[in-house]
Amino acid sequence: MLFNNPPLTTIKLLKQQEGMMAVDMLLDSINEKPSELRRLETELVIRKSV
């Protein structure tokens, strides 16, 4: 596995929430429901690159 030096600051996404939202969006599209704004919960992971 490769590592960056210094470790990079990143944004953490919750994979399960992202997948569930994608399925909801797909079902809305199939059922021809209007699109709505959705937001994912994120977490800023500060490391030594800042």
N, C-alpha and C. Protein backbone atom coordinates (compact mmCIF):
# COMPACT_ATOMS: atom_id res chain seq x y z
N MET A 1 0.84 -1.17 0.00
CA MET A 1 0.00 0.00 0.00
C MET A 1 0.89 1.23 0.00
N LEU A 2 0.47 2.24 -0.75
CA LEU A 2 1.24 3.48 -0.83
C LEU A 2 0.72 4.49 0.19
N PHE A 3 1.62 5.24 0.75
CA PHE A 3 1.25 6.28 1.69
C PHE A 3 1.84 7.59 1.23
N ASN A 4 1.14 8.68 1.48
CA ASN A 4 1.65 10.00 1.15
C ASN A 4 2.39 10.57 2.33
N ASN A 5 3.43 11.30 2.03
CA ASN A 5 4.20 11.95 3.08
C ASN A 5 4.29 13.42 2.75
N PRO A 6 3.68 14.31 3.47
CA PRO A 6 2.92 14.11 4.69
C PRO A 6 1.54 13.51 4.39
N PRO A 7 0.90 12.90 5.38
CA PRO A 7 -0.45 12.36 5.18
C PRO A 7 -1.41 13.49 4.74
N LEU A 8 -2.24 13.22 3.72
CA LEU A 8 -3.11 14.24 3.16
C LEU A 8 -4.43 14.36 3.91
N THR A 9 -4.90 15.60 4.04
CA THR A 9 -6.22 15.86 4.60
C THR A 9 -7.25 15.36 3.60
N THR A 10 -8.29 14.70 4.09
CA THR A 10 -9.31 14.12 3.21
C THR A 10 -10.71 14.38 3.74
N ILE A 11 -11.69 14.00 2.95
CA ILE A 11 -13.09 14.05 3.37
C ILE A 11 -13.60 12.62 3.46
N LYS A 12 -14.16 12.26 4.61
CA LYS A 12 -14.67 10.92 4.83
C LYS A 12 -16.17 10.90 4.49
N LEU A 13 -16.57 9.93 3.67
CA LEU A 13 -17.98 9.73 3.32
C LEU A 13 -18.45 8.41 3.91
N LEU A 14 -19.69 8.37 4.32
CA LEU A 14 -20.27 7.14 4.85
C LEU A 14 -20.78 6.31 3.66
N LYS A 15 -20.11 5.21 3.36
CA LYS A 15 -20.42 4.39 2.18
C LYS A 15 -21.84 3.86 2.18
N GLN A 16 -22.34 3.41 3.33
CA GLN A 16 -23.69 2.86 3.39
C GLN A 16 -24.71 3.94 3.06
N GLN A 17 -24.54 5.12 3.62
CA GLN A 17 -25.46 6.23 3.35
C GLN A 17 -25.40 6.60 1.87
N GLU A 18 -24.21 6.62 1.30
CA GLU A 18 -24.04 6.97 -0.11
C GLU A 18 -24.76 5.95 -1.01
N GLY A 19 -24.63 4.67 -0.68
CA GLY A 19 -25.29 3.62 -1.45
C GLY A 19 -26.80 3.68 -1.34
N MET A 20 -27.30 3.91 -0.13
CA MET A 20 -28.76 4.00 0.08
C MET A 20 -29.34 5.19 -0.68
N MET A 21 -28.62 6.29 -0.68
CA MET A 21 -29.08 7.47 -1.39
C MET A 21 -29.08 7.23 -2.90
N ALA A 22 -28.08 6.53 -3.39
CA ALA A 22 -28.02 6.21 -4.82
C ALA A 22 -29.20 5.34 -5.24
N VAL A 23 -29.56 4.37 -4.42
CA VAL A 23 -30.71 3.51 -4.71
C VAL A 23 -31.99 4.34 -4.70
N ASP A 24 -32.16 5.21 -3.72
CA ASP A 24 -33.34 6.08 -3.67
C ASP A 24 -33.44 6.95 -4.92
N MET A 25 -32.30 7.50 -5.35
CA MET A 25 -32.29 8.34 -6.55
C MET A 25 -32.64 7.52 -7.79
N LEU A 26 -32.14 6.31 -7.88
CA LEU A 26 -32.44 5.44 -9.01
C LEU A 26 -33.93 5.10 -9.04
N LEU A 27 -34.50 4.76 -7.88
CA LEU A 27 -35.93 4.45 -7.82
C LEU A 27 -36.79 5.66 -8.18
N ASP A 28 -36.39 6.84 -7.72
CA ASP A 28 -37.11 8.07 -8.09
C ASP A 28 -37.06 8.27 -9.60
N SER A 29 -35.92 8.03 -10.19
CA SER A 29 -35.77 8.19 -11.64
C SER A 29 -36.65 7.19 -12.39
N ILE A 30 -36.65 5.94 -11.95
CA ILE A 30 -37.47 4.90 -12.58
C ILE A 30 -38.95 5.26 -12.49
N ASN A 31 -39.36 5.79 -11.33
CA ASN A 31 -40.76 6.16 -11.10
C ASN A 31 -41.09 7.57 -11.59
N GLU A 32 -40.15 8.19 -12.29
CA GLU A 32 -40.31 9.52 -12.89
C GLU A 32 -40.70 10.58 -11.88
N LYS A 33 -40.13 10.47 -10.68
CA LYS A 33 -40.35 11.50 -9.66
C LYS A 33 -39.34 12.62 -9.90
N PRO A 34 -39.72 13.85 -9.59
CA PRO A 34 -38.78 14.96 -9.77
C PRO A 34 -37.54 14.81 -8.88
N SER A 35 -36.44 15.28 -9.39
CA SER A 35 -35.18 15.21 -8.66
C SER A 35 -35.19 16.23 -7.52
N GLU A 36 -34.58 15.88 -6.41
CA GLU A 36 -34.48 16.82 -5.29
C GLU A 36 -33.03 16.90 -4.82
N LEU A 37 -32.70 18.00 -4.17
CA LEU A 37 -31.36 18.19 -3.66
C LEU A 37 -31.12 17.25 -2.49
N ARG A 38 -30.02 16.55 -2.52
CA ARG A 38 -29.65 15.64 -1.43
C ARG A 38 -28.24 15.98 -0.97
N ARG A 39 -28.00 15.79 0.30
CA ARG A 39 -26.67 16.05 0.85
C ARG A 39 -26.19 14.84 1.63
N LEU A 40 -24.94 14.51 1.43
CA LEU A 40 -24.31 13.43 2.17
C LEU A 40 -23.63 13.99 3.41
N GLU A 41 -23.68 13.22 4.49
CA GLU A 41 -22.91 13.60 5.67
C GLU A 41 -21.43 13.36 5.37
N THR A 42 -20.62 14.31 5.72
CA THR A 42 -19.18 14.18 5.51
C THR A 42 -18.44 14.54 6.79
N GLU A 43 -17.20 14.15 6.83
CA GLU A 43 -16.35 14.48 7.96
C GLU A 43 -14.98 14.85 7.41
N LEU A 44 -14.48 16.02 7.80
CA LEU A 44 -13.15 16.45 7.38
C LEU A 44 -12.12 15.78 8.28
N VAL A 45 -11.20 15.04 7.67
CA VAL A 45 -10.15 14.34 8.40
C VAL A 45 -8.86 15.12 8.19
N ILE A 46 -8.49 15.90 9.19
CA ILE A 46 -7.31 16.76 9.08
C ILE A 46 -6.07 15.96 9.46
N ARG A 47 -5.11 16.00 8.55
CA ARG A 47 -3.85 15.31 8.80
C ARG A 47 -2.71 16.33 8.72
N LYS A 48 -1.53 15.90 8.47
CA LYS A 48 -0.37 16.80 8.54
C LYS A 48 -0.15 17.68 7.30
N SER A 49 -1.03 17.56 6.29
CA SER A 49 -0.82 18.34 5.08
C SER A 49 -1.41 19.75 5.17
N VAL A 50 -2.07 20.05 6.27
CA VAL A 50 -2.70 21.37 6.41
C VAL A 50 -1.81 22.27 7.25
